[in-house]
Amino acid sequence: MSTDLPQETSCGFVRVRNCPKHGLRGVCSPCDTDIWQKILGRYSPGNVFLNVPYPKNYLKRQHLLVSFLVALGLRPVLAGQITNEGIQRICKICELIQYCKLCIHDLTETKLHNMPMELGLSLGLGRRCLILYAGKKHSLEKHFSNVKSITDDIIYYSKKYPNTLLRALLQRWAKSEVLEGIALGRLTAATFDQVIETTLFLNKKINRLWPRYKNYAIILEKIFTAYWAPLPVARKEESKDADG
């Protein structure tokens, strides 16, 4: 197997560094150098790696985050959707992270040690990371004392009112360049309600279809095929175009 990739290769926002597991230059055994071409082909600044816990009690929040990203015109990428391709799971997660520009990590379940590991992988691969935590402000630091030295992008939210997380994300991203040229239009206070309305619409449909399909790609395809015209943001944007 050839391992003659450079130690760090850049293509836009894509960066491949030494594999943390195998020490190969961006190539994980038993993969070959084709994996690099696959990453180049699938990378998009609109992809967002979503590192969330998978207990059943988190599923509704996961659906909400997926709906929110889709409402913004982004594409969520989740390790939970990995199928058995004969590749070690850690290598596949590393690959998925490299498809994305932005990574969101919910570290609420502090006993799940794979969550901070995936955060470390994302940071090591040079990705922009946003951390979520359900709890009081600064309470995350009790579990991860050096988290503030890693990033200031931390959003605290309430488990009882997960919808407040959406507005917090919008407010954070509206003040940042992270979604510039990626999301649907410019994020302003006037568009917040439209995004949230679309998010709740998608979330309702995903929750209804999930028990049957358990696959976001299939569910979203069905939703867009059946409901694209009535989607709130799409409808309002179309009406603006018609008026213009």
Protein backbone atom coordinates (compact mmCIF):
# COMPACT_ATOMS: atom_id res chain seq x y z
CA MET A 1 0.00 0.00 0.00
CA SER A 2 1.33 3.38 -0.97
CA THR A 3 1.68 5.94 1.83
CA ASP A 4 3.46 8.67 -0.08
CA LEU A 5 0.89 11.37 0.66
CA PRO A 6 2.44 14.55 2.04
CA GLN A 7 2.27 14.98 5.79
CA GLU A 8 -0.23 17.80 5.41
CA THR A 9 -2.15 18.41 2.22
CA SER A 10 -4.52 21.33 1.76
CA CYS A 11 -7.34 21.75 -0.74
CA GLY A 12 -9.61 24.60 0.27
CA PHE A 13 -10.62 23.77 3.82
CA VAL A 14 -9.53 20.12 3.50
CA ARG A 15 -6.51 19.08 5.54
CA VAL A 16 -5.20 15.57 5.95
CA ARG A 17 -2.61 14.91 8.64
CA ASN A 18 -0.99 11.81 10.07
CA CYS A 19 -3.59 9.22 11.06
CA PRO A 20 -3.77 9.22 14.90
CA LYS A 21 -4.31 5.45 14.94
CA HIS A 22 -1.89 4.11 12.35
CA GLY A 23 0.60 6.92 11.87
CA LEU A 24 0.14 6.78 8.10
CA ARG A 25 -0.02 10.04 6.22
CA GLY A 26 -3.77 10.59 6.06
CA VAL A 27 -4.42 6.96 5.13
CA CYS A 28 -5.88 4.44 7.57
CA SER A 29 -5.24 0.70 7.25
CA PRO A 30 -6.87 -1.34 5.78
CA CYS A 31 -7.77 1.57 3.46
CA ASP A 32 -5.54 2.64 0.61
CA THR A 33 -4.74 6.01 -0.92
CA ASP A 34 -8.13 6.00 -2.64
CA ILE A 35 -9.55 7.25 0.65
CA TRP A 36 -7.87 10.62 0.03
CA GLN A 37 -9.54 10.92 -3.36
CA LYS A 38 -12.83 9.99 -1.71
CA ILE A 39 -12.38 12.78 0.86
CA LEU A 40 -11.59 15.31 -1.87
CA GLY A 41 -14.69 14.23 -3.78
CA ARG A 42 -17.06 14.36 -0.82
CA TYR A 43 -15.75 17.39 1.08
CA SER A 44 -18.11 20.36 1.11
CA PRO A 45 -18.09 23.52 3.26
CA GLY A 46 -21.83 22.87 3.71
CA ASN A 47 -21.21 19.53 5.46
CA VAL A 48 -21.45 19.61 9.26
CA PHE A 49 -20.17 16.72 11.39
CA LEU A 50 -22.62 16.13 14.23
CA ASN A 51 -21.10 14.39 17.26
CA VAL A 52 -24.03 13.61 19.55
CA PRO A 53 -24.75 10.89 22.12
CA TYR A 54 -26.92 8.00 20.93
CA PRO A 55 -29.02 7.01 23.99
CA LYS A 56 -32.74 6.94 23.17
CA ASN A 57 -33.41 9.88 25.46
CA TYR A 58 -31.28 12.10 23.17
CA LEU A 59 -32.95 11.07 19.91
CA LYS A 60 -35.46 13.92 19.83
CA ARG A 61 -32.67 16.48 20.29
CA GLN A 62 -30.71 14.76 17.53
CA HIS A 63 -33.70 15.04 15.19
CA LEU A 64 -34.03 18.71 16.12
CA LEU A 65 -30.38 19.46 15.32
CA VAL A 66 -30.58 17.58 12.01
CA SER A 67 -33.76 19.50 11.10
CA PHE A 68 -32.09 22.79 12.03
CA LEU A 69 -29.03 22.17 9.86
CA VAL A 70 -31.16 21.11 6.90
CA ALA A 71 -33.34 24.22 7.33
CA LEU A 72 -30.18 26.29 6.94
CA GLY A 73 -29.25 24.49 3.74
CA LEU A 74 -26.48 22.47 5.44
CA ARG A 75 -25.88 18.72 5.30
CA PRO A 76 -25.54 16.88 8.65
CA VAL A 77 -22.98 14.06 8.76
CA LEU A 78 -23.38 11.59 11.65
CA ALA A 79 -21.21 8.71 12.78
CA GLY A 80 -24.41 6.92 13.80
CA GLN A 81 -25.26 6.47 10.12
CA ILE A 82 -22.04 4.49 9.46
CA THR A 83 -22.65 1.15 7.79
CA ASN A 84 -20.27 -1.79 8.00
CA GLU A 85 -17.88 -1.23 5.10
CA GLY A 86 -15.07 -3.40 6.42
CA ILE A 87 -13.33 -0.29 7.81
CA GLN A 88 -12.54 0.22 11.48
CA ARG A 89 -15.06 2.62 13.03
CA ILE A 90 -12.45 5.11 14.26
CA CYS A 91 -11.04 5.36 10.72
CA LYS A 92 -14.51 5.94 9.27
CA ILE A 93 -15.23 8.69 11.82
CA CYS A 94 -11.91 10.34 10.91
CA GLU A 95 -12.92 10.17 7.26
CA LEU A 96 -16.38 11.66 7.91
CA ILE A 97 -14.89 14.58 9.86
CA GLN A 98 -12.69 15.38 6.87
CA TYR A 99 -15.79 15.69 4.67
CA CYS A 100 -16.82 18.73 6.74
CA LYS A 101 -15.79 22.31 7.43
CA LEU A 102 -17.68 22.62 10.72
CA CYS A 103 -18.16 20.13 13.59
CA ILE A 104 -20.78 20.31 16.36
CA HIS A 105 -20.07 18.31 19.53
CA ASP A 106 -22.66 17.83 22.28
CA LEU A 107 -20.70 16.83 25.40
CA THR A 108 -23.75 16.64 27.67
CA GLU A 109 -23.30 12.91 28.34
CA THR A 110 -19.95 13.23 30.12
CA LYS A 111 -19.70 9.48 30.85
CA LEU A 112 -19.46 8.70 27.12
CA HIS A 113 -15.72 9.06 26.57
CA ASN A 114 -15.93 8.70 22.79
CA MET A 115 -17.56 12.15 22.62
CA PRO A 116 -14.47 14.18 23.68
CA MET A 117 -12.32 11.80 21.62
CA GLU A 118 -14.20 12.83 18.46
CA LEU A 119 -13.82 16.48 19.50
CA GLY A 120 -10.07 15.90 19.76
CA LEU A 121 -10.00 14.29 16.32
CA SER A 122 -11.88 17.25 14.83
CA LEU A 123 -9.52 19.79 16.37
CA GLY A 124 -6.49 17.75 15.31
CA LEU A 125 -7.79 17.75 11.75
CA GLY A 126 -8.09 21.54 11.82
CA ARG A 127 -11.87 21.78 11.85
CA ARG A 128 -13.93 24.63 13.33
CA CYS A 129 -15.70 23.16 16.38
CA LEU A 130 -18.77 24.26 18.30
CA ILE A 131 -19.49 22.62 21.68
CA LEU A 132 -22.98 22.16 23.12
CA TYR A 133 -23.75 21.32 26.73
CA ALA A 134 -27.10 20.94 28.54
CA GLY A 135 -26.43 22.63 31.87
CA LYS A 136 -25.65 25.86 33.65
CA LYS A 137 -23.04 28.22 32.25
CA HIS A 138 -19.46 27.08 32.94
CA SER A 139 -20.71 23.70 34.31
CA LEU A 140 -18.93 21.88 31.49
CA GLU A 141 -15.60 22.96 32.97
CA LYS A 142 -16.24 20.73 35.99
CA HIS A 143 -15.87 17.72 33.68
CA PHE A 144 -13.38 19.14 31.15
CA SER A 145 -11.27 21.66 33.02
CA ASN A 146 -9.26 22.86 30.02
CA VAL A 147 -12.16 23.21 27.59
CA LYS A 148 -11.97 27.03 27.61
CA SER A 149 -8.37 26.85 26.46
CA ILE A 150 -9.53 24.85 23.44
CA THR A 151 -12.42 26.99 22.22
CA ASP A 152 -14.76 29.80 23.25
CA ASP A 153 -17.48 28.39 21.00
CA ILE A 154 -19.57 26.79 23.76
CA ILE A 155 -23.35 27.01 23.97
CA TYR A 156 -25.16 26.02 27.16
CA TYR A 157 -28.83 25.05 26.87
CA SER A 158 -31.70 23.48 28.82
CA LYS A 159 -32.79 19.86 28.34
CA LYS A 160 -36.31 20.91 29.25
CA TYR A 161 -36.43 23.57 26.51
CA PRO A 162 -34.26 22.28 23.63
CA ASN A 163 -35.90 24.74 21.21
CA THR A 164 -33.97 27.53 22.95
CA LEU A 165 -30.84 25.88 21.55
CA LEU A 166 -31.95 26.82 18.02
CA ARG A 167 -32.12 30.54 18.76
CA ALA A 168 -28.81 30.38 20.63
CA LEU A 169 -27.18 28.76 17.59
CA LEU A 170 -28.68 31.34 15.25
CA GLN A 171 -27.51 34.22 17.43
CA ARG A 172 -24.00 32.77 17.63
CA TRP A 173 -23.73 32.11 13.90
CA ALA A 174 -25.27 35.43 12.89
CA LYS A 175 -22.31 37.15 14.58
CA SER A 176 -19.76 34.85 12.98
CA GLU A 177 -18.38 34.23 9.50
CA VAL A 178 -18.63 30.45 9.91
CA LEU A 179 -21.70 30.12 7.65
CA GLU A 180 -20.80 32.87 5.21
CA GLY A 181 -21.55 31.77 1.67
CA ILE A 182 -22.86 28.40 2.88
CA ALA A 183 -26.23 28.73 4.58
CA LEU A 184 -29.46 29.83 2.94
CA GLY A 185 -29.10 33.58 2.68
CA ARG A 186 -27.82 36.02 5.30
CA LEU A 187 -28.65 35.20 8.93
CA THR A 188 -30.42 38.17 10.47
CA ALA A 189 -32.98 38.61 13.23
CA ALA A 190 -35.66 38.86 10.54
CA THR A 191 -34.85 35.38 9.22
CA PHE A 192 -34.59 33.65 12.61
CA ASP A 193 -38.32 32.93 12.79
CA GLN A 194 -38.33 31.54 9.24
CA VAL A 195 -35.47 29.15 10.02
CA ILE A 196 -37.09 28.00 13.26
CA GLU A 197 -40.46 27.53 11.54
CA THR A 198 -38.84 25.35 8.87
CA THR A 199 -36.86 23.46 11.52
CA LEU A 200 -39.99 22.59 13.49
CA PHE A 201 -41.77 21.55 10.30
CA LEU A 202 -38.93 19.18 9.35
CA ASN A 203 -38.58 17.94 12.90
CA LYS A 204 -42.23 16.93 13.06
CA LYS A 205 -41.93 14.94 9.83
CA ILE A 206 -38.64 13.28 10.86
CA ASN A 207 -40.08 12.18 14.21
CA ARG A 208 -43.07 10.65 12.45
CA LEU A 209 -41.02 8.79 9.82
CA TRP A 210 -38.05 7.73 11.98
CA PRO A 211 -39.60 4.56 13.50
CA ARG A 212 -40.17 3.20 9.99
CA TYR A 213 -36.94 4.16 8.16
CA LYS A 214 -34.28 5.09 10.80
CA ASN A 215 -32.24 6.76 8.06
CA TYR A 216 -32.02 10.51 7.53
CA ALA A 217 -31.14 10.33 3.84
CA ILE A 218 -34.25 8.29 3.06
CA ILE A 219 -36.50 10.37 5.33
CA LEU A 220 -35.33 13.74 3.99
CA GLU A 221 -35.70 12.56 0.39
CA LYS A 222 -39.31 11.61 1.12
CA ILE A 223 -39.99 14.91 2.89
CA PHE A 224 -38.52 17.03 0.09
CA THR A 225 -40.31 15.01 -2.58
CA ALA A 226 -43.68 15.37 -0.86
CA TYR A 227 -43.42 18.72 0.90
CA TRP A 228 -40.75 20.91 -0.71
CA ALA A 229 -43.22 23.50 -1.99
CA PRO A 230 -44.89 24.02 1.41
CA LEU A 231 -41.59 24.40 3.30
CA PRO A 232 -41.87 27.81 5.00
CA VAL A 233 -38.45 29.20 4.02
CA ALA A 234 -38.70 27.88 0.47
CA ARG A 235 -42.20 29.32 0.06
CA LYS A 236 -41.23 32.76 1.37
CA GLU A 237 -38.05 32.89 -0.74
CA GLU A 238 -40.05 31.95 -3.85
CA SER A 239 -42.62 34.66 -3.16
CA LYS A 240 -39.82 37.24 -2.79
CA ASP A 241 -38.36 36.16 -6.13
CA ALA A 242 -41.74 36.47 -7.77
CA ASP A 243 -42.25 39.96 -6.34
CA GLY A 244 -38.79 40.97 -7.54
